[in-house]
Amino acid sequence: MKLLSGSPLTDKTQPIIVSLDWTERLDKRPTDRTSDDLDVIFSRLKDVKALEKFHPLLIQQLCYYSYFENLEKGVTLFRTGDLGANWFAILSGNVDVCVPSENGKV
Protein backbone atom coordinates (compact mmCIF):
# COMPACT_ATOMS: atom_id res chain seq x y z
CA MET A 1 0.00 0.00 0.00
CA LYS A 2 1.30 3.47 -0.85
CA LEU A 3 0.55 6.19 1.65
CA LEU A 4 1.01 9.90 1.80
CA SER A 5 2.08 10.48 5.49
CA GLY A 6 -6.20 12.45 4.42
CA SER A 7 -8.56 10.87 1.38
CA PRO A 8 -7.50 9.38 -1.96
CA LEU A 9 -5.47 11.80 -4.06
CA THR A 10 -6.16 10.22 -7.42
CA ASP A 11 -7.74 12.61 -9.90
CA LYS A 12 -8.62 10.91 -13.16
CA THR A 13 -8.79 14.22 -15.01
CA GLN A 14 -4.99 14.58 -14.80
CA PRO A 15 -2.80 12.70 -17.28
CA ILE A 16 -0.89 9.84 -15.65
CA ILE A 17 2.45 11.46 -16.58
CA VAL A 18 1.57 14.52 -14.50
CA SER A 19 0.59 12.22 -11.62
CA LEU A 20 3.88 10.36 -11.86
CA ASP A 21 5.84 13.61 -11.99
CA TRP A 22 4.32 14.98 -8.80
CA THR A 23 4.56 11.67 -6.95
CA GLU A 24 8.22 11.27 -7.90
CA ARG A 25 8.87 14.72 -6.48
CA LEU A 26 6.90 13.87 -3.35
CA ASP A 27 8.92 10.67 -3.01
CA LYS A 28 12.04 12.74 -2.31
CA ARG A 29 12.95 13.38 1.29
CA PRO A 30 11.38 16.71 2.30
CA THR A 31 14.84 18.24 2.89
CA ASP A 32 15.92 17.29 -0.66
CA ARG A 33 13.01 18.96 -2.49
CA THR A 34 13.70 21.97 -4.66
CA SER A 35 11.39 24.97 -4.95
CA ASP A 36 10.38 23.58 -8.36
CA ASP A 37 9.46 20.27 -6.68
CA LEU A 38 7.35 22.14 -4.13
CA ASP A 39 5.60 24.13 -6.88
CA VAL A 40 4.69 20.94 -8.78
CA ILE A 41 3.45 19.21 -5.62
CA PHE A 42 1.43 22.30 -4.64
CA SER A 43 -0.15 22.63 -8.08
CA ARG A 44 -1.32 19.01 -7.81
CA LEU A 45 -2.54 19.10 -4.21
CA LYS A 46 -4.50 22.34 -4.60
CA ASP A 47 -6.75 20.58 -7.15
CA VAL A 48 -7.53 17.59 -4.92
CA LYS A 49 -11.22 17.71 -4.01
CA ALA A 50 -10.61 16.53 -0.43
CA LEU A 51 -8.28 19.51 0.12
CA GLU A 52 -10.35 22.17 -1.64
CA LYS A 53 -11.40 23.90 1.59
CA PHE A 54 -7.86 23.99 2.98
CA HIS A 55 -6.11 27.35 3.08
CA PRO A 56 -3.25 27.55 0.52
CA LEU A 57 -0.72 27.98 3.37
CA LEU A 58 -1.84 24.68 4.87
CA ILE A 59 -1.45 22.97 1.48
CA GLN A 60 2.06 24.47 1.27
CA GLN A 61 2.86 22.91 4.63
CA LEU A 62 1.68 19.56 3.28
CA CYS A 63 4.09 20.04 0.37
CA TYR A 64 6.99 20.70 2.74
CA TYR A 65 6.43 17.91 5.25
CA SER A 66 4.52 15.08 3.54
CA TYR A 67 6.30 11.99 2.29
CA PHE A 68 5.59 8.60 0.75
CA GLU A 69 5.58 5.35 2.64
CA ASN A 70 5.23 1.97 0.98
CA LEU A 71 3.74 -0.46 3.48
CA GLU A 72 3.47 -4.22 3.33
CA LYS A 73 0.16 -5.97 3.86
CA GLY A 74 -0.73 -6.38 7.52
CA VAL A 75 1.06 -3.31 8.88
CA THR A 76 -0.82 -1.56 11.68
CA LEU A 77 -0.73 2.23 11.31
CA PHE A 78 -2.26 3.04 14.67
CA ARG A 79 -4.43 1.57 17.37
CA THR A 80 -7.36 2.82 19.41
CA GLY A 81 -6.04 5.20 22.04
CA ASP A 82 -2.87 6.20 20.14
CA LEU A 83 -2.14 9.91 20.08
CA GLY A 84 -2.91 11.36 16.65
CA ALA A 85 0.47 12.71 15.56
CA ASN A 86 0.23 11.84 11.84
CA TRP A 87 -2.30 11.78 9.04
CA PHE A 88 -2.42 9.43 6.08
CA ALA A 89 -3.83 9.53 2.56
CA ILE A 90 -4.09 6.24 0.72
CA LEU A 91 -2.78 6.63 -2.82
CA SER A 92 -3.14 2.99 -3.81
CA GLY A 93 -3.98 -0.27 -2.11
CA ASN A 94 -6.55 -1.11 0.53
CA VAL A 95 -7.00 -0.48 4.21
CA ASP A 96 -9.01 -2.32 6.85
CA VAL A 97 -10.39 -0.24 9.70
CA CYS A 98 -11.11 -2.31 12.79
CA VAL A 99 -12.87 -0.66 15.72
CA PRO A 100 -13.33 -2.66 18.92
CA SER A 101 -16.76 -2.78 20.51
CA GLU A 102 -17.32 -1.92 24.16
CA ASN A 103 -16.42 -5.48 25.16
CA GLY A 104 -13.11 -5.20 23.27
CA LYS A 105 -13.97 -7.51 20.38
CA VAL A 106 -13.25 -6.29 16.85
PDB file of N, CA and C in Angstrom:
ATOM      1  N   MET A   1       0.847  -1.164   0.000  1.00  0.00           N
ATOM      2  CA  MET A   1       0.000   0.000   0.000  1.00  0.00           C
ATOM      3  C   MET A   1       0.894   1.229   0.000  1.00  0.00           C
ATOM      4  N   LYS A   2       0.558   2.207  -0.809  1.00  0.00           N
ATOM      5  CA  LYS A   2       1.297   3.465  -0.846  1.00  0.00           C
ATOM      6  C   LYS A   2       0.517   4.507  -0.071  1.00  0.00           C
ATOM      7  N   LEU A   3       1.199   5.186   0.832  1.00  0.00           N
ATOM      8  CA  LEU A   3       0.550   6.192   1.654  1.00  0.00           C
ATOM      9  C   LEU A   3       1.231   7.525   1.508  1.00  0.00           C
ATOM     10  N   LEU A   4       0.478   8.553   1.644  1.00  0.00           N
ATOM     11  CA  LEU A   4       1.007   9.896   1.798  1.00  0.00           C
ATOM     12  C   LEU A   4       0.809  10.239   3.260  1.00  0.00           C
ATOM     13  N   SER A   5       1.987  10.277   4.005  1.00  0.00           N
ATOM     14  CA  SER A   5       2.076  10.479   5.490  1.00  0.00           C
ATOM     15  C   SER A   5       2.410  11.871   5.869  1.00  0.00           C
ATOM     16  N   GLY A   6      -5.897  13.760   4.479  1.00  0.00           N
ATOM     17  CA  GLY A   6      -6.203  12.454   4.420  1.00  0.00           C
ATOM     18  C   GLY A   6      -7.421  11.972   3.655  1.00  0.00           C
ATOM     19  N   SER A   7      -7.697  11.563   2.320  1.00  0.00           N
ATOM     20  CA  SER A   7      -8.555  10.865   1.377  1.00  0.00           C
ATOM     21  C   SER A   7      -7.755  10.533   0.130  1.00  0.00           C
ATOM     22  N   PRO A   8      -8.283   9.696  -0.770  1.00  0.00           N
ATOM     23  CA  PRO A   8      -7.500   9.377  -1.961  1.00  0.00           C
ATOM     24  C   PRO A   8      -7.137  10.630  -2.752  1.00  0.00           C
ATOM     25  N   LEU A   9      -5.931  10.639  -3.317  1.00  0.00           N
ATOM     26  CA  LEU A   9      -5.466  11.796  -4.061  1.00  0.00           C
ATOM     27  C   LEU A   9      -5.492  11.566  -5.563  1.00  0.00           C
ATOM     28  N   THR A  10      -6.113  10.500  -6.000  1.00  0.00           N
ATOM     29  CA  THR A  10      -6.159  10.218  -7.424  1.00  0.00           C
ATOM     30  C   THR A  10      -7.220  11.084  -8.086  1.00  0.00           C
ATOM     31  N   ASP A  11      -6.820  11.776  -9.137  1.00  0.00           N
ATOM     32  CA  ASP A  11      -7.744  12.614  -9.896  1.00  0.00           C
ATOM     33  C   ASP A  11      -7.651  12.166 -11.342  1.00  0.00           C
ATOM     34  N   LYS A  12      -8.684  11.504 -11.831  1.00  0.00           N
ATOM     35  CA  LYS A  12      -8.618  10.909 -13.164  1.00  0.00           C
ATOM     36  C   LYS A  12      -8.625  11.935 -14.281  1.00  0.00           C
ATOM     37  N   THR A  13      -8.823  13.205 -13.969  1.00  0.00           N
ATOM     38  CA  THR A  13      -8.789  14.222 -15.014  1.00  0.00           C
ATOM     39  C   THR A  13      -7.359  14.606 -15.370  1.00  0.00           C
ATOM     40  N   GLN A  14      -6.394  14.250 -14.546  1.00  0.00           N
ATOM     41  CA  GLN A  14      -4.993  14.578 -14.801  1.00  0.00           C
ATOM     42  C   GLN A  14      -4.331  13.435 -15.568  1.00  0.00           C
ATOM     43  N   PRO A  15      -3.529  13.751 -16.583  1.00  0.00           N
ATOM     44  CA  PRO A  15      -2.803  12.695 -17.285  1.00  0.00           C
ATOM     45  C   PRO A  15      -1.895  11.948 -16.315  1.00  0.00           C
ATOM     46  N   ILE A  16      -1.703  10.661 -16.545  1.00  0.00           N
ATOM     47  CA  ILE A  16      -0.891   9.838 -15.651  1.00  0.00           C
ATOM     48  C   ILE A  16       0.542  10.359 -15.549  1.00  0.00           C
ATOM     49  N   ILE A  17       1.076  10.944 -16.622  1.00  0.00           N
ATOM     50  CA  ILE A  17       2.446  11.463 -16.583  1.00  0.00           C
ATOM     51  C   ILE A  17       2.552  12.585 -15.561  1.00  0.00           C
ATOM     52  N   VAL A  18       1.560  13.454 -15.502  1.00  0.00           N
ATOM     53  CA  VAL A  18       1.565  14.517 -14.500  1.00  0.00           C
ATOM     54  C   VAL A  18       1.526  13.897 -13.112  1.00  0.00           C
ATOM     55  N   SER A  19       0.678  12.882 -12.918  1.00  0.00           N
ATOM     56  CA  SER A  19       0.587  12.222 -11.625  1.00  0.00           C
ATOM     57  C   SER A  19       1.922  11.618 -11.226  1.00  0.00           C
ATOM     58  N   LEU A  20       2.588  10.958 -12.177  1.00  0.00           N
ATOM     59  CA  LEU A  20       3.883  10.365 -11.863  1.00  0.00           C
ATOM     60  C   LEU A  20       4.901  11.435 -11.522  1.00  0.00           C
ATOM     61  N   ASP A  21       4.874  12.548 -12.239  1.00  0.00           N
ATOM     62  CA  ASP A  21       5.838  13.610 -11.987  1.00  0.00           C
ATOM     63  C   ASP A  21       5.698  14.144 -10.569  1.00  0.00           C
ATOM     64  N   TRP A  22       4.487  14.419 -10.139  1.00  0.00           N
ATOM     65  CA  TRP A  22       4.324  14.983  -8.803  1.00  0.00           C
ATOM     66  C   TRP A  22       4.613  13.959  -7.730  1.00  0.00           C
ATOM     67  N   THR A  23       4.276  12.679  -7.967  1.00  0.00           N
ATOM     68  CA  THR A  23       4.555  11.673  -6.948  1.00  0.00           C
ATOM     69  C   THR A  23       6.043  11.386  -6.841  1.00  0.00           C
ATOM     70  N   GLU A  24       6.761  11.447  -7.962  1.00  0.00           N
ATOM     71  CA  GLU A  24       8.215  11.268  -7.899  1.00  0.00           C
ATOM     72  C   GLU A  24       8.854  12.391  -7.090  1.00  0.00           C
ATOM     73  N   ARG A  25       8.342  13.589  -7.244  1.00  0.00           N
ATOM     74  CA  ARG A  25       8.867  14.725  -6.477  1.00  0.00           C
ATOM     75  C   ARG A  25       8.514  14.575  -5.002  1.00  0.00           C
ATOM     76  N   LEU A  26       7.328  14.077  -4.721  1.00  0.00           N
ATOM     77  CA  LEU A  26       6.899  13.868  -3.346  1.00  0.00           C
ATOM     78  C   LEU A  26       7.661  12.716  -2.699  1.00  0.00           C
ATOM     79  N   ASP A  27       8.173  11.820  -3.519  1.00  0.00           N
ATOM     80  CA  ASP A  27       8.921  10.675  -3.012  1.00  0.00           C
ATOM     81  C   ASP A  27      10.301  11.075  -2.489  1.00  0.00           C
ATOM     82  N   LYS A  28      10.764  12.260  -2.843  1.00  0.00           N
ATOM     83  CA  LYS A  28      12.043  12.744  -2.312  1.00  0.00           C
ATOM     84  C   LYS A  28      11.890  13.053  -0.828  1.00  0.00           C
ATOM     85  N   ARG A  29      12.984  12.948  -0.105  1.00  0.00           N
ATOM     86  CA  ARG A  29      12.949  13.383   1.289  1.00  0.00           C
ATOM     87  C   ARG A  29      12.589  14.865   1.314  1.00  0.00           C
ATOM     88  N   PRO A  30      11.778  15.292   2.264  1.00  0.00           N
ATOM     89  CA  PRO A  30      11.382  16.705   2.297  1.00  0.00           C
ATOM     90  C   PRO A  30      12.560  17.678   2.254  1.00  0.00           C
ATOM     91  N   THR A  31      13.674  17.338   2.884  1.00  0.00           N
ATOM     92  CA  THR A  31      14.837  18.238   2.891  1.00  0.00           C
ATOM     93  C   THR A  31      15.549  18.288   1.547  1.00  0.00           C
ATOM     94  N   ASP A  32      15.267  17.335   0.652  1.00  0.00           N
ATOM     95  CA  ASP A  32      15.919  17.289  -0.661  1.00  0.00           C
ATOM     96  C   ASP A  32      15.075  17.916  -1.772  1.00  0.00           C
ATOM     97  N   ARG A  33      13.887  18.385  -1.462  1.00  0.00           N
ATOM     98  CA  ARG A  33      13.012  18.955  -2.488  1.00  0.00           C
ATOM     99  C   ARG A  33      13.450  20.365  -2.865  1.00  0.00           C
ATOM    100  N   THR A  34      13.388  20.632  -4.160  1.00  0.00           N
ATOM    101  CA  THR A  34      13.699  21.972  -4.660  1.00  0.00           C
ATOM    102  C   THR A  34      12.428  22.818  -4.645  1.00  0.00           C
ATOM    103  N   SER A  35      12.582  24.107  -4.879  1.00  0.00           N
ATOM    104  CA  SER A  35      11.394  24.969  -4.950  1.00  0.00           C
ATOM    105  C   SER A  35      10.517  24.558  -6.134  1.00  0.00           C
ATOM    106  N   ASP A  36      11.143  24.081  -7.218  1.00  0.00           N
ATOM    107  CA  ASP A  36      10.375  23.583  -8.361  1.00  0.00           C
ATOM    108  C   ASP A  36       9.561  22.349  -7.953  1.00  0.00           C
ATOM    109  N   ASP A  37      10.176  21.447  -7.181  1.00  0.00           N
ATOM    110  CA  ASP A  37       9.456  20.272  -6.681  1.00  0.00           C
ATOM    111  C   ASP A  37       8.236  20.706  -5.873  1.00  0.00           C
ATOM    112  N   LEU A  38       8.438  21.666  -4.986  1.00  0.00           N
ATOM    113  CA  LEU A  38       7.348  22.138  -4.132  1.00  0.00           C
ATOM    114  C   LEU A  38       6.234  22.779  -4.953  1.00  0.00           C
ATOM    115  N   ASP A  39       6.608  23.509  -6.005  1.00  0.00           N
ATOM    116  CA  ASP A  39       5.603  24.127  -6.878  1.00  0.00           C
ATOM    117  C   ASP A  39       4.762  23.070  -7.588  1.00  0.00           C
ATOM    118  N   VAL A  40       5.416  22.008  -8.082  1.00  0.00           N
ATOM    119  CA  VAL A  40       4.694  20.937  -8.784  1.00  0.00           C
ATOM    120  C   VAL A  40       3.769  20.205  -7.813  1.00  0.00           C
ATOM    121  N   ILE A  41       4.272  19.894  -6.623  1.00  0.00           N
ATOM    122  CA  ILE A  41       3.449  19.212  -5.622  1.00  0.00           C
ATOM    123  C   ILE A  41       2.255  20.088  -5.245  1.00  0.00           C
ATOM    124  N   PHE A  42       2.511  21.374  -5.017  1.00  0.00           N
ATOM    125  CA  PHE A  42       1.434  22.299  -4.645  1.00  0.00           C
ATOM    126  C   PHE A  42       0.374  22.384  -5.739  1.00  0.00           C
ATOM    127  N   SER A  43       0.820  22.493  -6.990  1.00  0.00           N
ATOM    128  CA  SER A  43      -0.145  22.627  -8.084  1.00  0.00           C
ATOM    129  C   SER A  43      -1.039  21.393  -8.181  1.00  0.00           C
ATOM    130  N   ARG A  44      -0.532  20.247  -7.789  1.00  0.00           N
ATOM    131  CA  ARG A  44      -1.323  19.014  -7.806  1.00  0.00           C
ATOM    132  C   ARG A  44      -2.265  18.944  -6.606  1.00  0.00           C
ATOM    133  N   LEU A  45      -1.730  19.224  -5.414  1.00  0.00           N
ATOM    134  CA  LEU A  45      -2.539  19.096  -4.205  1.00  0.00           C
ATOM    135  C   LEU A  45      -3.673  20.120  -4.144  1.00  0.00           C
ATOM    136  N   LYS A  46      -3.456  21.308  -4.678  1.00  0.00           N
ATOM    137  CA  LYS A  46      -4.504  22.343  -4.597  1.00  0.00           C
ATOM    138  C   LYS A  46      -5.746  21.963  -5.403  1.00  0.00           C
ATOM    139  N   ASP A  47      -5.615  21.018  -6.339  1.00  0.00           N
ATOM    140  CA  ASP A  47      -6.747  20.582  -7.149  1.00  0.00           C
ATOM    141  C   ASP A  47      -7.414  19.312  -6.630  1.00  0.00           C
ATOM    142  N   VAL A  48      -6.939  18.795  -5.510  1.00  0.00           N
ATOM    143  CA  VAL A  48      -7.533  17.591  -4.923  1.00  0.00           C
ATOM    144  C   VAL A  48      -8.817  17.982  -4.193  1.00  0.00           C
ATOM    145  N   LYS A  49      -9.907  17.357  -4.564  1.00  0.00           N
ATOM    146  CA  LYS A  49     -11.216  17.715  -4.009  1.00  0.00           C
ATOM    147  C   LYS A  49     -11.235  17.658  -2.482  1.00  0.00           C
ATOM    148  N   ALA A  50     -10.606  16.671  -1.894  1.00  0.00           N
ATOM    149  CA  ALA A  50     -10.610  16.533  -0.434  1.00  0.00           C
ATOM    150  C   ALA A  50      -9.888  17.681   0.265  1.00  0.00           C
ATOM    151  N   LEU A  51      -9.045  18.407  -0.468  1.00  0.00           N
ATOM    152  CA  LEU A  51      -8.277  19.505   0.123  1.00  0.00           C
ATOM    153  C   LEU A  51      -8.802  20.875  -0.296  1.00  0.00           C
ATOM    154  N   GLU A  52      -9.898  20.917  -1.042  1.00  0.00           N
ATOM    155  CA  GLU A  52     -10.353  22.168  -1.643  1.00  0.00           C
ATOM    156  C   GLU A  52     -10.704  23.259  -0.631  1.00  0.00           C
ATOM    157  N   LYS A  53     -11.055  22.889   0.582  1.00  0.00           N
ATOM    158  CA  LYS A  53     -11.399  23.898   1.586  1.00  0.00           C
ATOM    159  C   LYS A  53     -10.197  24.295   2.447  1.00  0.00           C
ATOM    160  N   PHE A  54      -9.061  23.658   2.217  1.00  0.00           N
ATOM    161  CA  PHE A  54      -7.858  23.989   2.983  1.00  0.00           C
ATOM    162  C   PHE A  54      -7.284  25.315   2.501  1.00  0.00           C
ATOM    163  N   HIS A  55      -6.783  26.099   3.416  1.00  0.00           N
ATOM    164  CA  HIS A  55      -6.108  27.355   3.078  1.00  0.00           C
ATOM    165  C   HIS A  55      -4.832  27.021   2.299  1.00  0.00           C
ATOM    166  N   PRO A  56      -4.464  27.820   1.297  1.00  0.00           N
ATOM    167  CA  PRO A  56      -3.246  27.555   0.520  1.00  0.00           C
ATOM    168  C   PRO A  56      -1.981  27.407   1.380  1.00  0.00           C
ATOM    169  N   LEU A  57      -1.904  28.125   2.494  1.00  0.00           N
ATOM    170  CA  LEU A  57      -0.724  27.984   3.366  1.00  0.00           C
ATOM    171  C   LEU A  57      -0.664  26.601   4.008  1.00  0.00           C
ATOM    172  N   LEU A  58      -1.818  26.029   4.320  1.00  0.00           N
ATOM    173  CA  LEU A  58      -1.845  24.676   4.865  1.00  0.00           C
ATOM    174  C   LEU A  58      -1.411  23.672   3.797  1.00  0.00           C
ATOM    175  N   ILE A  59      -1.869  23.862   2.573  1.00  0.00           N
ATOM    176  CA  ILE A  59      -1.454  22.974   1.480  1.00  0.00           C
ATOM    177  C   ILE A  59       0.052  23.096   1.255  1.00  0.00           C
ATOM    178  N   GLN A  60       0.598  24.301   1.373  1.00  0.00           N
ATOM    179  CA  GLN A  60       2.056  24.475   1.265  1.00  0.00           C
ATOM    180  C   GLN A  60       2.772  23.674   2.339  1.00  0.00           C
ATOM    181  N   GLN A  61       2.246  23.678   3.547  1.00  0.00           N
ATOM    182  CA  GLN A  61       2.860  22.906   4.626  1.00  0.00           C
ATOM    183  C   GLN A  61       2.828  21.412   4.300  1.00  0.00           C
ATOM    184  N   LEU A  62       1.737  20.957   3.705  1.00  0.00           N
ATOM    185  CA  LEU A  62       1.677  19.555   3.280  1.00  0.00           C
ATOM    186  C   LEU A  62       2.781  19.262   2.271  1.00  0.00           C
ATOM    187  N   CYS A  63       3.039  20.210   1.380  1.00  0.00           N
ATOM    188  CA  CYS A  63       4.089  20.041   0.370  1.00  0.00           C
ATOM    189  C   CYS A  63       5.464  19.930   1.022  1.00  0.00           C
ATOM    190  N   TYR A  64       5.687  20.693   2.065  1.00  0.00           N
ATOM    191  CA  TYR A  64       6.991  20.699   2.739  1.00  0.00           C
ATOM    192  C   TYR A  64       7.236  19.439   3.560  1.00  0.00           C
ATOM    193  N   TYR A  65       6.209  18.947   4.242  1.00  0.00           N
ATOM    194  CA  TYR A  65       6.430  17.911   5.249  1.00  0.00           C
ATOM    195  C   TYR A  65       5.917  16.519   4.897  1.00  0.00           C
ATOM    196  N   SER A  66       5.064  16.392   3.895  1.00  0.00           N
ATOM    197  CA  SER A  66       4.517  15.081   3.538  1.00  0.00           C
ATOM    198  C   SER A  66       5.565  14.220   2.854  1.00  0.00           C
ATOM    199  N   TYR A  67       5.391  12.918   2.964  1.00  0.00           N
ATOM    200  CA  TYR A  67       6.297  11.991   2.291  1.00  0.00           C
ATOM    201  C   TYR A  67       5.568  10.678   2.025  1.00  0.00           C
ATOM    202  N   PHE A  68       6.137   9.909   1.103  1.00  0.00           N
ATOM    203  CA  PHE A  68       5.589   8.603   0.754  1.00  0.00           C
ATOM    204  C   PHE A  68       6.064   7.542   1.723  1.00  0.00           C
ATOM    205  N   GLU A  69       5.202   6.580   1.949  1.00  0.00           N
ATOM    206  CA  GLU A  69       5.581   5.354   2.641  1.00  0.00           C
ATOM    207  C   GLU A  69       4.963   4.202   1.861  1.00  0.00           C
ATOM    208  N   ASN A  70       5.749   3.194   1.571  1.00  0.00           N
ATOM    209  CA  ASN A  70       5.227   1.966   0.982  1.00  0.00           C
ATOM    210  C   ASN A  70       5.140   0.946   2.102  1.00  0.00           C
ATOM    211  N   LEU A  71       3.947   0.459   2.366  1.00  0.00           N
ATOM    212  CA  LEU A  71       3.742  -0.461   3.477  1.00  0.00           C
ATOM    213  C   LEU A  71       3.336  -1.833   2.969  1.00  0.00           C
ATOM    214  N   GLU A  72       3.836  -2.840   3.646  1.00  0.00           N
ATOM    215  CA  GLU A  72       3.472  -4.218   3.328  1.00  0.00           C
ATOM    216  C   GLU A  72       2.099  -4.533   3.919  1.00  0.00           C
ATOM    217  N   LYS A  73       1.453  -5.524   3.364  1.00  0.00           N
ATOM    218  CA  LYS A  73       0.163  -5.972   3.860  1.00  0.00           C
ATOM    219  C   LYS A  73       0.289  -6.365   5.333  1.00  0.00           C
ATOM    220  N   GLY A  74      -0.695  -5.985   6.115  1.00  0.00           N
ATOM    221  CA  GLY A  74      -0.735  -6.385   7.517  1.00  0.00           C
ATOM    222  C   GLY A  74      -0.123  -5.396   8.495  1.00  0.00           C
ATOM    223  N   VAL A  75       0.450  -4.312   8.000  1.00  0.00           N
ATOM    224  CA  VAL A  75       1.057  -3.314   8.881  1.00  0.00           C
ATOM    225  C   VAL A  75      -0.049  -2.543   9.603  1.00  0.00           C
ATOM    226  N   THR A  76       0.124  -2.350  10.904  1.00  0.00           N
ATOM    227  CA  THR A  76      -0.820  -1.557  11.685  1.00  0.00           C
ATOM    228  C   THR A  76      -0.313  -0.126  11.743  1.00  0.00           C
ATOM    229  N   LEU A  77      -1.118   0.816  11.293  1.00  0.00           N
ATOM    230  CA  LEU A  77      -0.725   2.227  11.305  1.00  0.00           C
ATOM    231  C   LEU A  77      -0.905   2.845  12.679  1.00  0.00           C
ATOM    232  N   PHE A  78      -2.017   2.546  13.317  1.00  0.00           N
ATOM    233  CA  PHE A  78      -2.255   3.043  14.666  1.00  0.00           C
ATOM    234  C   PHE A  78      -3.360   2.218  15.304  1.00  0.00           C
ATOM    235  N   ARG A  79      -3.442   2.323  16.611  1.00  0.00           N
ATOM    236  CA  ARG A  79      -4.434   1.572  17.374  1.00  0.00           C
ATOM    237  C   ARG A  79      -5.324   2.529  18.164  1.00  0.00           C
ATOM    238  N   THR A  80      -6.463   2.032  18.571  1.00  0.00           N
ATOM    239  CA  THR A  80      -7.360   2.822  19.407  1.00  0.00           C
ATOM    240  C   THR A  80      -6.593   3.320  20.626  1.00  0.00           C
ATOM    241  N   GLY A  81      -6.717   4.612  20.887  1.00  0.00           N
ATOM    242  CA  GLY A  81      -6.042   5.205  22.040  1.00  0.00           C
ATOM    243  C   GLY A  81      -4.708   5.850  21.718  1.00  0.00           C
ATOM    244  N   ASP A  82      -4.129   5.555  20.528  1.00  0.00           N
ATOM    245  CA  ASP A  82      -2.868   6.200  20.138  1.00  0.00           C
ATOM    246  C   ASP A  82      -3.097   7.697  19.968  1.00  0.00           C
ATOM    247  N   LEU A  83      -2.082   8.477  20.327  1.00  0.00           N
ATOM    248  CA  LEU A  83      -2.142   9.915  20.082  1.00  0.00           C
ATOM    249  C   LEU A  83      -2.070  10.172  18.588  1.00  0.00           C
ATOM    250  N   GLY A  84      -2.893  11.056  18.084  1.00  0.00           N
ATOM    251  CA  GLY A  84      -2.911  11.364  16.651  1.00  0.00           C
ATOM    252  C   GLY A  84      -1.822  12.348  16.276  1.00  0.00           C
ATOM    253  N   ALA A  85      -0.649  11.844  15.920  1.00  0.00           N
ATOM    254  CA  ALA A  85       0.473  12.706  15.558  1.00  0.00           C
ATOM    255  C   ALA A  85       0.687  12.779  14.046  1.00  0.00           C
ATOM    256  N   ASN A  86       0.058  11.898  13.289  1.00  0.00           N
ATOM    257  CA  ASN A  86       0.232  11.845  11.836  1.00  0.00           C
ATOM    258  C   ASN A  86      -1.124  11.742  11.157  1.00  0.00           C
ATOM    259  N   TRP A  87      -1.125  12.005   9.872  1.00  0.00           N
ATOM    260  CA  TRP A  87      -2.295  11.775   9.043  1.00  0.00           C
ATOM    261  C   TRP A  87      -1.828  10.973   7.838  1.00  0.00           C
ATOM    262  N   PHE A  88      -2.757  10.288   7.199  1.00  0.00           N
ATOM    263  CA  PHE A  88      -2.417   9.427   6.076  1.00  0.00           C
ATOM    264  C   PHE A  88      -3.436   9.606   4.964  1.00  0.00           C
ATOM    265  N   ALA A  89      -2.971   9.558   3.741  1.00  0.00           N
ATOM    266  CA  ALA A  89      -3.831   9.528   2.564  1.00  0.00           C
ATOM    267  C   ALA A  89      -3.432   8.299   1.766  1.00  0.00           C
ATOM    268  N   ILE A  90      -4.377   7.463   1.463  1.00  0.00           N
ATOM    269  CA  ILE A  90      -4.085   6.237   0.723  1.00  0.00           C
ATOM    270  C   ILE A  90      -4.073   6.568  -0.760  1.00  0.00           C
ATOM    271  N   LEU A  91      -2.919   6.357  -1.397  1.00  0.00           N
ATOM    272  CA  LEU A  91      -2.776   6.633  -2.824  1.00  0.00           C
ATOM    273  C   LEU A  91      -3.092   5.405  -3.658  1.00  0.00           C
ATOM    274  N   SER A  92      -2.775   4.232  -3.142  1.00  0.00           N
ATOM    275  CA  SER A  92      -3.140   2.987  -3.812  1.00  0.00           C
ATOM    276  C   SER A  92      -3.139   1.878  -2.776  1.00  0.00           C
ATOM    277  N   GLY A  93      -3.893   0.844  -3.052  1.00  0.00           N
ATOM    278  CA  GLY A  93      -3.983  -0.269  -2.115  1.00  0.00           C
ATOM    279  C   GLY A  93      -5.293  -0.232  -1.350  1.00  0.00           C
ATOM    280  N   ASN A  94      -5.348  -0.992  -0.286  1.00  0.00           N
ATOM    281  CA  ASN A  94      -6.554  -1.108   0.532  1.00  0.00           C
ATOM    282  C   ASN A  94      -6.195  -0.949   1.997  1.00  0.00           C
ATOM    283  N   VAL A  95      -7.191  -0.596   2.767  1.00  0.00           N
ATOM    284  CA  VAL A  95      -6.997  -0.479   4.209  1.00  0.00           C
ATOM    285  C   VAL A  95      -8.204  -1.092   4.908  1.00  0.00           C
ATOM    286  N   ASP A  96      -7.943  -1.801   5.989  1.00  0.00           N
ATOM    287  CA  ASP A  96      -9.005  -2.318   6.845  1.00  0.00           C
ATOM    288  C   ASP A  96      -9.033  -1.460   8.098  1.00  0.00           C
ATOM    289  N   VAL A  97     -10.211  -1.012   8.467  1.00  0.00           N
ATOM    290  CA  VAL A  97     -10.387  -0.244   9.698  1.00  0.00           C
ATOM    291  C   VAL A  97     -11.143  -1.133  10.673  1.00  0.00           C
ATOM    292  N   CYS A  98     -10.506  -1.438  11.782  1.00  0.00           N
ATOM    293  CA  CYS A  98     -11.106  -2.306  12.794  1.00  0.00           C
ATOM    294  C   CYS A  98     -11.309  -1.500  14.069  1.00  0.00           C
ATOM    295  N   VAL A  99     -12.542  -1.410  14.514  1.00  0.00           N
ATOM    296  CA  VAL A  99     -12.871  -0.658  15.723  1.00  0.00           C
ATOM    297  C   VAL A  99     -13.443  -1.638  16.739  1.00  0.00           C
ATOM    298  N   PRO A 100     -12.813  -1.722  17.913  1.00  0.00           N
ATOM    299  CA  PRO A 100     -13.330  -2.658  18.915  1.00  0.00           C
ATOM    300  C   PRO A 100     -14.654  -2.168  19.505  1.00  0.00           C
ATOM    301  N   SER A 101     -15.498  -3.125  19.851  1.00  0.00           N
ATOM    302  CA  SER A 101     -16.757  -2.779  20.508  1.00  0.00           C
ATOM    303  C   SER A 101     -16.470  -2.516  21.983  1.00  0.00           C
ATOM    304  N   GLU A 102     -17.500  -2.208  22.740  1.00  0.00           N
ATOM    305  CA  GLU A 102     -17.315  -1.917  24.159  1.00  0.00           C
ATOM    306  C   GLU A 102     -16.712  -3.091  24.915  1.00  0.00           C
ATOM    307  N   ASN A 103     -16.976  -4.318  24.460  1.00  0.00           N
ATOM    308  CA  ASN A 103     -16.421  -5.483  25.156  1.00  0.00           C
ATOM    309  C   ASN A 103     -15.018  -5.831  24.653  1.00  0.00           C
ATOM    310  N   GLY A 104     -14.482  -5.007  23.740  1.00  0.00           N
ATOM    311  CA  GLY A 104     -13.106  -5.202  23.275  1.00  0.00           C
ATOM    312  C   GLY A 104     -12.961  -6.065  22.044  1.00  0.00           C
ATOM    313  N   LYS A 105     -14.050  -6.673  21.581  1.00  0.00           N
ATOM    314  CA  LYS A 105     -13.967  -7.507  20.380  1.00  0.00           C
ATOM    315  C   LYS A 105     -14.037  -6.636  19.136  1.00  0.00           C
ATOM    316  N   VAL A 106     -13.273  -7.037  18.118  1.00  0.00           N
ATOM    317  CA  VAL A 106     -13.253  -6.291  16.852  1.00  0.00           C
ATOM    318  C   VAL A 106     -14.319  -6.817  15.935  1.00  0.00           C
TER     319      VAL A 106
END
